[in-house]
Amino acid sequence: MLPAETSILSVELGVSDLRRSLDFYEGVLGFRRLTVERDCTEFSASGSEPAQVVLVQLENARPKLPRTTGLFHFENGGGLLRGSCRF
């Protein structure tokens, strides 16, 4: 069990199609874009910092299989996929 003071600042997700994911996070879930880079976008539910969701387009990301959520969890040693959108 995690200590009570533990919190999640943001979730960083690797995606196979950033443009399609942008449509989903904005159009369906109602998130607002904070930053947009060539292969990375940060989102916030309120439209203000900090970002709750960071999407990073990865060349090796697996596309969603039919009849699945397409969300795969992995642990990469506690680091971020790209460090942040602000390279």
PDB file of N, CA and C in Angstrom:
ATOM      1  N   MET A   1       0.842  -1.170   0.000  1.00  0.00           N
ATOM      2  CA  MET A   1       0.000   0.000   0.000  1.00  0.00           C
ATOM      3  C   MET A   1       0.890   1.238   0.000  1.00  0.00           C
ATOM      4  N   LEU A   2       0.441   2.263  -0.747  1.00  0.00           N
ATOM      5  CA  LEU A   2       1.189   3.514  -0.830  1.00  0.00           C
ATOM      6  C   LEU A   2       0.887   4.405   0.370  1.00  0.00           C
ATOM      7  N   PRO A   3       1.846   5.223   0.777  1.00  0.00           N
ATOM      8  CA  PRO A   3       1.584   6.177   1.856  1.00  0.00           C
ATOM      9  C   PRO A   3       0.462   7.144   1.465  1.00  0.00           C
ATOM     10  N   ALA A   4      -0.272   7.647   2.427  1.00  0.00           N
ATOM     11  CA  ALA A   4      -1.414   8.528   2.177  1.00  0.00           C
ATOM     12  C   ALA A   4      -1.021   9.803   1.441  1.00  0.00           C
ATOM     13  N   GLU A   5       0.195  10.284   1.614  1.00  0.00           N
ATOM     14  CA  GLU A   5       0.622  11.524   0.957  1.00  0.00           C
ATOM     15  C   GLU A   5       1.044  11.326  -0.503  1.00  0.00           C
ATOM     16  N   THR A   6       1.006  10.101  -0.998  1.00  0.00           N
ATOM     17  CA  THR A   6       1.372   9.804  -2.378  1.00  0.00           C
ATOM     18  C   THR A   6       0.328  10.387  -3.326  1.00  0.00           C
ATOM     19  N   SER A   7       0.803  11.021  -4.393  1.00  0.00           N
ATOM     20  CA  SER A   7      -0.109  11.559  -5.403  1.00  0.00           C
ATOM     21  C   SER A   7       0.495  11.350  -6.793  1.00  0.00           C
ATOM     22  N   ILE A   8      -0.336  11.482  -7.803  1.00  0.00           N
ATOM     23  CA  ILE A   8       0.115  11.374  -9.189  1.00  0.00           C
ATOM     24  C   ILE A   8       0.020  12.764  -9.794  1.00  0.00           C
ATOM     25  N   LEU A   9       1.136  13.268 -10.277  1.00  0.00           N
ATOM     26  CA  LEU A   9       1.133  14.589 -10.897  1.00  0.00           C
ATOM     27  C   LEU A   9       0.592  14.501 -12.321  1.00  0.00           C
ATOM     28  N   SER A  10       1.130  13.570 -13.103  1.00  0.00           N
ATOM     29  CA  SER A  10       0.655  13.413 -14.474  1.00  0.00           C
ATOM     30  C   SER A  10       0.902  11.991 -14.941  1.00  0.00           C
ATOM     31  N   VAL A  11       0.221  11.650 -16.006  1.00  0.00           N
ATOM     32  CA  VAL A  11       0.375  10.338 -16.634  1.00  0.00           C
ATOM     33  C   VAL A  11       0.885  10.574 -18.041  1.00  0.00           C
ATOM     34  N   GLU A  12       1.951   9.900 -18.403  1.00  0.00           N
ATOM     35  CA  GLU A  12       2.536  10.042 -19.727  1.00  0.00           C
ATOM     36  C   GLU A  12       2.266   8.765 -20.507  1.00  0.00           C
ATOM     37  N   LEU A  13       1.634   8.915 -21.673  1.00  0.00           N
ATOM     38  CA  LEU A  13       1.222   7.768 -22.476  1.00  0.00           C
ATOM     39  C   LEU A  13       1.867   7.816 -23.856  1.00  0.00           C
ATOM     40  N   GLY A  14       2.425   6.699 -24.276  1.00  0.00           N
ATOM     41  CA  GLY A  14       2.926   6.561 -25.637  1.00  0.00           C
ATOM     42  C   GLY A  14       1.773   6.153 -26.537  1.00  0.00           C
ATOM     43  N   VAL A  15       1.629   6.836 -27.677  1.00  0.00           N
ATOM     44  CA  VAL A  15       0.538   6.550 -28.602  1.00  0.00           C
ATOM     45  C   VAL A  15       1.087   6.291 -30.001  1.00  0.00           C
ATOM     46  N   SER A  16       0.328   5.538 -30.798  1.00  0.00           N
ATOM     47  CA  SER A  16       0.755   5.239 -32.157  1.00  0.00           C
ATOM     48  C   SER A  16       0.291   6.299 -33.148  1.00  0.00           C
ATOM     49  N   ASP A  17      -0.773   7.040 -32.823  1.00  0.00           N
ATOM     50  CA  ASP A  17      -1.328   8.053 -33.722  1.00  0.00           C
ATOM     51  C   ASP A  17      -1.716   9.273 -32.892  1.00  0.00           C
ATOM     52  N   LEU A  18      -0.822  10.247 -32.822  1.00  0.00           N
ATOM     53  CA  LEU A  18      -1.039  11.413 -31.964  1.00  0.00           C
ATOM     54  C   LEU A  18      -2.267  12.203 -32.394  1.00  0.00           C
ATOM     55  N   ARG A  19      -2.462  12.395 -33.680  1.00  0.00           N
ATOM     56  CA  ARG A  19      -3.608  13.177 -34.155  1.00  0.00           C
ATOM     57  C   ARG A  19      -4.934  12.541 -33.734  1.00  0.00           C
ATOM     58  N   ARG A  20      -5.050  11.233 -33.883  1.00  0.00           N
ATOM     59  CA  ARG A  20      -6.278  10.541 -33.463  1.00  0.00           C
ATOM     60  C   ARG A  20      -6.464  10.630 -31.947  1.00  0.00           C
ATOM     61  N   SER A  21      -5.374  10.515 -31.211  1.00  0.00           N
ATOM     62  CA  SER A  21      -5.443  10.617 -29.754  1.00  0.00           C
ATOM     63  C   SER A  21      -5.845  12.022 -29.307  1.00  0.00           C
ATOM     64  N   LEU A  22      -5.366  13.050 -30.018  1.00  0.00           N
ATOM     65  CA  LEU A  22      -5.759  14.423 -29.703  1.00  0.00           C
ATOM     66  C   LEU A  22      -7.270  14.588 -29.835  1.00  0.00           C
ATOM     67  N   ASP A  23      -7.832  14.055 -30.907  1.00  0.00           N
ATOM     68  CA  ASP A  23      -9.281  14.133 -31.114  1.00  0.00           C
ATOM     69  C   ASP A  23     -10.033  13.481 -29.959  1.00  0.00           C
ATOM     70  N   PHE A  24      -9.551  12.335 -29.495  1.00  0.00           N
ATOM     71  CA  PHE A  24     -10.211  11.618 -28.403  1.00  0.00           C
ATOM     72  C   PHE A  24     -10.115  12.394 -27.087  1.00  0.00           C
ATOM     73  N   TYR A  25      -8.901  12.828 -26.711  1.00  0.00           N
ATOM     74  CA  TYR A  25      -8.721  13.496 -25.416  1.00  0.00           C
ATOM     75  C   TYR A  25      -9.423  14.847 -25.371  1.00  0.00           C
ATOM     76  N   GLU A  26      -9.494  15.548 -26.501  1.00  0.00           N
ATOM     77  CA  GLU A  26     -10.205  16.834 -26.531  1.00  0.00           C
ATOM     78  C   GLU A  26     -11.704  16.641 -26.767  1.00  0.00           C
ATOM     79  N   GLY A  27     -12.057  15.931 -27.817  1.00  0.00           N
ATOM     80  CA  GLY A  27     -13.449  15.818 -28.221  1.00  0.00           C
ATOM     81  C   GLY A  27     -14.305  14.949 -27.329  1.00  0.00           C
ATOM     82  N   VAL A  28     -13.764  13.837 -26.864  1.00  0.00           N
ATOM     83  CA  VAL A  28     -14.539  12.897 -26.055  1.00  0.00           C
ATOM     84  C   VAL A  28     -14.376  13.168 -24.561  1.00  0.00           C
ATOM     85  N   LEU A  29     -13.132  13.332 -24.100  1.00  0.00           N
ATOM     86  CA  LEU A  29     -12.878  13.493 -22.668  1.00  0.00           C
ATOM     87  C   LEU A  29     -12.901  14.949 -22.203  1.00  0.00           C
ATOM     88  N   GLY A  30     -12.797  15.899 -23.119  1.00  0.00           N
ATOM     89  CA  GLY A  30     -12.892  17.308 -22.756  1.00  0.00           C
ATOM     90  C   GLY A  30     -11.620  17.930 -22.205  1.00  0.00           C
ATOM     91  N   PHE A  31     -10.468  17.274 -22.359  1.00  0.00           N
ATOM     92  CA  PHE A  31      -9.204  17.866 -21.913  1.00  0.00           C
ATOM     93  C   PHE A  31      -8.841  19.042 -22.810  1.00  0.00           C
ATOM     94  N   ARG A  32      -8.029  19.953 -22.281  1.00  0.00           N
ATOM     95  CA  ARG A  32      -7.573  21.114 -23.038  1.00  0.00           C
ATOM     96  C   ARG A  32      -6.067  21.042 -23.228  1.00  0.00           C
ATOM     97  N   ARG A  33      -5.618  21.393 -24.418  1.00  0.00           N
ATOM     98  CA  ARG A  33      -4.180  21.364 -24.718  1.00  0.00           C
ATOM     99  C   ARG A  33      -3.455  22.493 -23.991  1.00  0.00           C
ATOM    100  N   LEU A  34      -2.322  22.134 -23.395  1.00  0.00           N
ATOM    101  CA  LEU A  34      -1.440  23.134 -22.779  1.00  0.00           C
ATOM    102  C   LEU A  34      -0.259  23.434 -23.685  1.00  0.00           C
ATOM    103  N   THR A  35       0.388  22.376 -24.181  1.00  0.00           N
ATOM    104  CA  THR A  35       1.526  22.536 -25.089  1.00  0.00           C
ATOM    105  C   THR A  35       1.366  21.556 -26.238  1.00  0.00           C
ATOM    106  N   VAL A  36       1.873  21.958 -27.376  1.00  0.00           N
ATOM    107  CA  VAL A  36       1.844  21.093 -28.554  1.00  0.00           C
ATOM    108  C   VAL A  36       3.227  21.143 -29.185  1.00  0.00           C
ATOM    109  N   GLU A  37       3.847  19.998 -29.272  1.00  0.00           N
ATOM    110  CA  GLU A  37       5.126  19.857 -29.965  1.00  0.00           C
ATOM    111  C   GLU A  37       4.896  18.903 -31.132  1.00  0.00           C
ATOM    112  N   ARG A  38       5.911  18.680 -31.918  1.00  0.00           N
ATOM    113  CA  ARG A  38       5.780  17.819 -33.091  1.00  0.00           C
ATOM    114  C   ARG A  38       5.260  16.425 -32.740  1.00  0.00           C
ATOM    115  N   ASP A  39       5.757  15.836 -31.674  1.00  0.00           N
ATOM    116  CA  ASP A  39       5.362  14.468 -31.322  1.00  0.00           C
ATOM    117  C   ASP A  39       4.932  14.335 -29.862  1.00  0.00           C
ATOM    118  N   CYS A  40       4.512  15.448 -29.259  1.00  0.00           N
ATOM    119  CA  CYS A  40       4.164  15.437 -27.843  1.00  0.00           C
ATOM    120  C   CYS A  40       3.136  16.530 -27.550  1.00  0.00           C
ATOM    121  N   THR A  41       2.136  16.201 -26.738  1.00  0.00           N
ATOM    122  CA  THR A  41       1.121  17.171 -26.336  1.00  0.00           C
ATOM    123  C   THR A  41       0.793  16.974 -24.862  1.00  0.00           C
ATOM    124  N   GLU A  42       0.683  18.077 -24.129  1.00  0.00           N
ATOM    125  CA  GLU A  42       0.285  18.043 -22.719  1.00  0.00           C
ATOM    126  C   GLU A  42      -1.155  18.530 -22.604  1.00  0.00           C
ATOM    127  N   PHE A  43      -1.943  17.849 -21.757  1.00  0.00           N
ATOM    128  CA  PHE A  43      -3.344  18.182 -21.554  1.00  0.00           C
ATOM    129  C   PHE A  43      -3.633  18.442 -20.084  1.00  0.00           C
ATOM    130  N   SER A  44      -4.643  19.276 -19.852  1.00  0.00           N
ATOM    131  CA  SER A  44      -5.143  19.537 -18.511  1.00  0.00           C
ATOM    132  C   SER A  44      -6.662  19.560 -18.562  1.00  0.00           C
ATOM    133  N   ALA A  45      -7.305  19.031 -17.545  1.00  0.00           N
ATOM    134  CA  ALA A  45      -8.765  19.063 -17.480  1.00  0.00           C
ATOM    135  C   ALA A  45      -9.261  20.492 -17.319  1.00  0.00           C
ATOM    136  N   SER A  46      -8.495  21.334 -16.629  1.00  0.00           N
ATOM    137  CA  SER A  46      -8.916  22.717 -16.363  1.00  0.00           C
ATOM    138  C   SER A  46      -8.396  23.707 -17.402  1.00  0.00           C
ATOM    139  N   GLY A  47      -7.392  23.293 -18.176  1.00  0.00           N
ATOM    140  CA  GLY A  47      -6.756  24.213 -19.110  1.00  0.00           C
ATOM    141  C   GLY A  47      -5.595  24.965 -18.494  1.00  0.00           C
ATOM    142  N   SER A  48      -5.274  24.672 -17.221  1.00  0.00           N
ATOM    143  CA  SER A  48      -4.171  25.321 -16.514  1.00  0.00           C
ATOM    144  C   SER A  48      -3.125  24.293 -16.119  1.00  0.00           C
ATOM    145  N   GLU A  49      -1.897  24.783 -15.893  1.00  0.00           N
ATOM    146  CA  GLU A  49      -0.818  23.925 -15.396  1.00  0.00           C
ATOM    147  C   GLU A  49      -1.193  23.376 -14.033  1.00  0.00           C
ATOM    148  N   PRO A  50      -0.708  22.232 -13.654  1.00  0.00           N
ATOM    149  CA  PRO A  50       0.128  21.320 -14.408  1.00  0.00           C
ATOM    150  C   PRO A  50      -0.709  20.399 -15.295  1.00  0.00           C
ATOM    151  N   ALA A  51      -0.049  19.797 -16.259  1.00  0.00           N
ATOM    152  CA  ALA A  51      -0.708  18.834 -17.141  1.00  0.00           C
ATOM    153  C   ALA A  51      -1.026  17.560 -16.376  1.00  0.00           C
ATOM    154  N   GLN A  52      -2.178  16.985 -16.644  1.00  0.00           N
ATOM    155  CA  GLN A  52      -2.522  15.690 -16.052  1.00  0.00           C
ATOM    156  C   GLN A  52      -2.181  14.537 -16.997  1.00  0.00           C
ATOM    157  N   VAL A  53      -2.241  14.799 -18.305  1.00  0.00           N
ATOM    158  CA  VAL A  53      -1.975  13.767 -19.306  1.00  0.00           C
ATOM    159  C   VAL A  53      -0.975  14.312 -20.309  1.00  0.00           C
ATOM    160  N   VAL A  54       0.054  13.512 -20.595  1.00  0.00           N
ATOM    161  CA  VAL A  54       1.040  13.842 -21.618  1.00  0.00           C
ATOM    162  C   VAL A  54       1.015  12.714 -22.642  1.00  0.00           C
ATOM    163  N   LEU A  55       0.772  13.069 -23.905  1.00  0.00           N
ATOM    164  CA  LEU A  55       0.772  12.080 -24.981  1.00  0.00           C
ATOM    165  C   LEU A  55       2.033  12.245 -25.802  1.00  0.00           C
ATOM    166  N   VAL A  56       2.727  11.134 -26.047  1.00  0.00           N
ATOM    167  CA  VAL A  56       3.950  11.146 -26.839  1.00  0.00           C
ATOM    168  C   VAL A  56       3.789  10.135 -27.959  1.00  0.00           C
ATOM    169  N   GLN A  57       3.935  10.599 -29.209  1.00  0.00           N
ATOM    170  CA  GLN A  57       3.849   9.666 -30.328  1.00  0.00           C
ATOM    171  C   GLN A  57       5.150   8.884 -30.401  1.00  0.00           C
ATOM    172  N   LEU A  58       5.032   7.563 -30.402  1.00  0.00           N
ATOM    173  CA  LEU A  58       6.185   6.673 -30.460  1.00  0.00           C
ATOM    174  C   LEU A  58       6.116   5.828 -31.719  1.00  0.00           C
ATOM    175  N   GLU A  59       7.218   5.723 -32.413  1.00  0.00           N
ATOM    176  CA  GLU A  59       7.251   4.915 -33.638  1.00  0.00           C
ATOM    177  C   GLU A  59       6.940   3.455 -33.365  1.00  0.00           C
ATOM    178  N   ASN A  60       7.338   2.956 -32.192  1.00  0.00           N
ATOM    179  CA  ASN A  60       7.146   1.541 -31.889  1.00  0.00           C
ATOM    180  C   ASN A  60       5.897   1.261 -31.056  1.00  0.00           C
ATOM    181  N   ALA A  61       5.025   2.273 -30.874  1.00  0.00           N
ATOM    182  CA  ALA A  61       3.791   2.052 -30.106  1.00  0.00           C
ATOM    183  C   ALA A  61       2.866   1.138 -30.902  1.00  0.00           C
ATOM    184  N   ARG A  62       2.275   0.191 -30.202  1.00  0.00           N
ATOM    185  CA  ARG A  62       1.367  -0.742 -30.872  1.00  0.00           C
ATOM    186  C   ARG A  62      -0.002  -0.102 -31.036  1.00  0.00           C
ATOM    187  N   PRO A  63      -0.583  -0.164 -32.241  1.00  0.00           N
ATOM    188  CA  PRO A  63      -1.950   0.338 -32.392  1.00  0.00           C
ATOM    189  C   PRO A  63      -2.924  -0.536 -31.609  1.00  0.00           C
ATOM    190  N   LYS A  64      -4.047   0.035 -31.259  1.00  0.00           N
ATOM    191  CA  LYS A  64      -5.087  -0.677 -30.517  1.00  0.00           C
ATOM    192  C   LYS A  64      -5.600  -1.856 -31.344  1.00  0.00           C
ATOM    193  N   LEU A  65      -5.691  -2.991 -30.693  1.00  0.00           N
ATOM    194  CA  LEU A  65      -6.271  -4.173 -31.342  1.00  0.00           C
ATOM    195  C   LEU A  65      -7.791  -4.059 -31.314  1.00  0.00           C
ATOM    196  N   PRO A  66      -8.475  -4.613 -32.299  1.00  0.00           N
ATOM    197  CA  PRO A  66      -9.941  -4.565 -32.288  1.00  0.00           C
ATOM    198  C   PRO A  66     -10.506  -5.157 -31.004  1.00  0.00           C
ATOM    199  N   ARG A  67     -11.552  -4.525 -30.474  1.00  0.00           N
ATOM    200  CA  ARG A  67     -12.275  -4.987 -29.289  1.00  0.00           C
ATOM    201  C   ARG A  67     -11.419  -4.977 -28.021  1.00  0.00           C
ATOM    202  N   THR A  68     -10.445  -4.054 -27.955  1.00  0.00           N
ATOM    203  CA  THR A  68      -9.630  -3.876 -26.748  1.00  0.00           C
ATOM    204  C   THR A  68      -9.570  -2.391 -26.423  1.00  0.00           C
ATOM    205  N   THR A  69      -9.143  -2.067 -25.205  1.00  0.00           N
ATOM    206  CA  THR A  69      -9.003  -0.664 -24.823  1.00  0.00           C
ATOM    207  C   THR A  69      -7.777  -0.037 -25.460  1.00  0.00           C
ATOM    208  N   GLY A  70      -6.766  -0.835 -25.757  1.00  0.00           N
ATOM    209  CA  GLY A  70      -5.548  -0.301 -26.352  1.00  0.00           C
ATOM    210  C   GLY A  70      -4.614   0.334 -25.348  1.00  0.00           C
ATOM    211  N   LEU A  71      -4.920   0.262 -24.058  1.00  0.00           N
ATOM    212  CA  LEU A  71      -4.084   0.872 -23.033  1.00  0.00           C
ATOM    213  C   LEU A  71      -3.201  -0.210 -22.422  1.00  0.00           C
ATOM    214  N   PHE A  72      -1.893  -0.064 -22.636  1.00  0.00           N
ATOM    215  CA  PHE A  72      -0.937  -1.034 -22.125  1.00  0.00           C
ATOM    216  C   PHE A  72      -0.052  -0.350 -21.104  1.00  0.00           C
ATOM    217  N   HIS A  73       0.117  -0.956 -19.945  1.00  0.00           N
ATOM    218  CA  HIS A  73       0.946  -0.389 -18.891  1.00  0.00           C
ATOM    219  C   HIS A  73       2.343  -0.981 -18.970  1.00  0.00           C
ATOM    220  N   PHE A  74       3.329  -0.149 -18.758  1.00  0.00           N
ATOM    221  CA  PHE A  74       4.689  -0.649 -18.617  1.00  0.00           C
ATOM    222  C   PHE A  74       5.434   0.241 -17.649  1.00  0.00           C
ATOM    223  N   GLU A  75       6.456  -0.301 -17.055  1.00  0.00           N
ATOM    224  CA  GLU A  75       7.305   0.441 -16.128  1.00  0.00           C
ATOM    225  C   GLU A  75       8.660   0.577 -16.786  1.00  0.00           C
ATOM    226  N   ASN A  76       9.144   1.794 -16.892  1.00  0.00           N
ATOM    227  CA  ASN A  76      10.452   1.988 -17.525  1.00  0.00           C
ATOM    228  C   ASN A  76      11.480   2.527 -16.536  1.00  0.00           C
ATOM    229  N   GLY A  77      11.428   2.029 -15.321  1.00  0.00           N
ATOM    230  CA  GLY A  77      12.426   2.423 -14.337  1.00  0.00           C
ATOM    231  C   GLY A  77      12.155   3.766 -13.688  1.00  0.00           C
ATOM    232  N   GLY A  78      10.916   4.231 -13.739  1.00  0.00           N
ATOM    233  CA  GLY A  78      10.568   5.468 -13.073  1.00  0.00           C
ATOM    234  C   GLY A  78      10.816   6.725 -13.881  1.00  0.00           C
ATOM    235  N   GLY A  79      11.412   6.592 -15.063  1.00  0.00           N
ATOM    236  CA  GLY A  79      11.657   7.765 -15.888  1.00  0.00           C
ATOM    237  C   GLY A  79      10.477   8.060 -16.790  1.00  0.00           C
ATOM    238  N   LEU A  80      10.526   9.205 -17.432  1.00  0.00           N
ATOM    239  CA  LEU A  80       9.472   9.580 -18.361  1.00  0.00           C
ATOM    240  C   LEU A  80       9.831   9.103 -19.764  1.00  0.00           C
ATOM    241  N   LEU A  81       8.835   9.017 -20.615  1.00  0.00           N
ATOM    242  CA  LEU A  81       9.062   8.583 -21.981  1.00  0.00           C
ATOM    243  C   LEU A  81      10.019   9.526 -22.707  1.00  0.00           C
ATOM    244  N   ARG A  82       9.807  10.831 -22.555  1.00  0.00           N
ATOM    245  CA  ARG A  82      10.646  11.813 -23.236  1.00  0.00           C
ATOM    246  C   ARG A  82      11.180  12.876 -22.293  1.00  0.00           C
ATOM    247  N   GLY A  83      10.880  12.816 -21.022  1.00  0.00           N
ATOM    248  CA  GLY A  83      11.322  13.842 -20.088  1.00  0.00           C
ATOM    249  C   GLY A  83      10.271  14.911 -19.864  1.00  0.00           C
ATOM    250  N   SER A  84       9.636  15.360 -20.896  1.00  0.00           N
ATOM    251  CA  SER A  84       8.473  16.245 -20.913  1.00  0.00           C
ATOM    252  C   SER A  84       8.338  16.768 -22.321  1.00  0.00           C
ATOM    253  N   CYS A  85       7.282  17.497 -22.588  1.00  0.00           N
ATOM    254  CA  CYS A  85       7.111  18.069 -23.918  1.00  0.00           C
ATOM    255  C   CYS A  85       8.051  19.233 -24.152  1.00  0.00           C
ATOM    256  N   ARG A  86       8.567  19.809 -23.116  1.00  0.00           N
ATOM    257  CA  ARG A  86       9.399  21.008 -23.254  1.00  0.00           C
ATOM    258  C   ARG A  86      10.872  20.623 -23.353  1.00  0.00           C
ATOM    259  N   PHE A  87      11.292  20.197 -24.532  1.00  0.00           N
ATOM    260  CA  PHE A  87      12.673  19.752 -24.712  1.00  0.00           C
ATOM    261  C   PHE A  87      13.580  20.961 -24.833  1.00  0.00           C
TER     262      PHE A  87
END
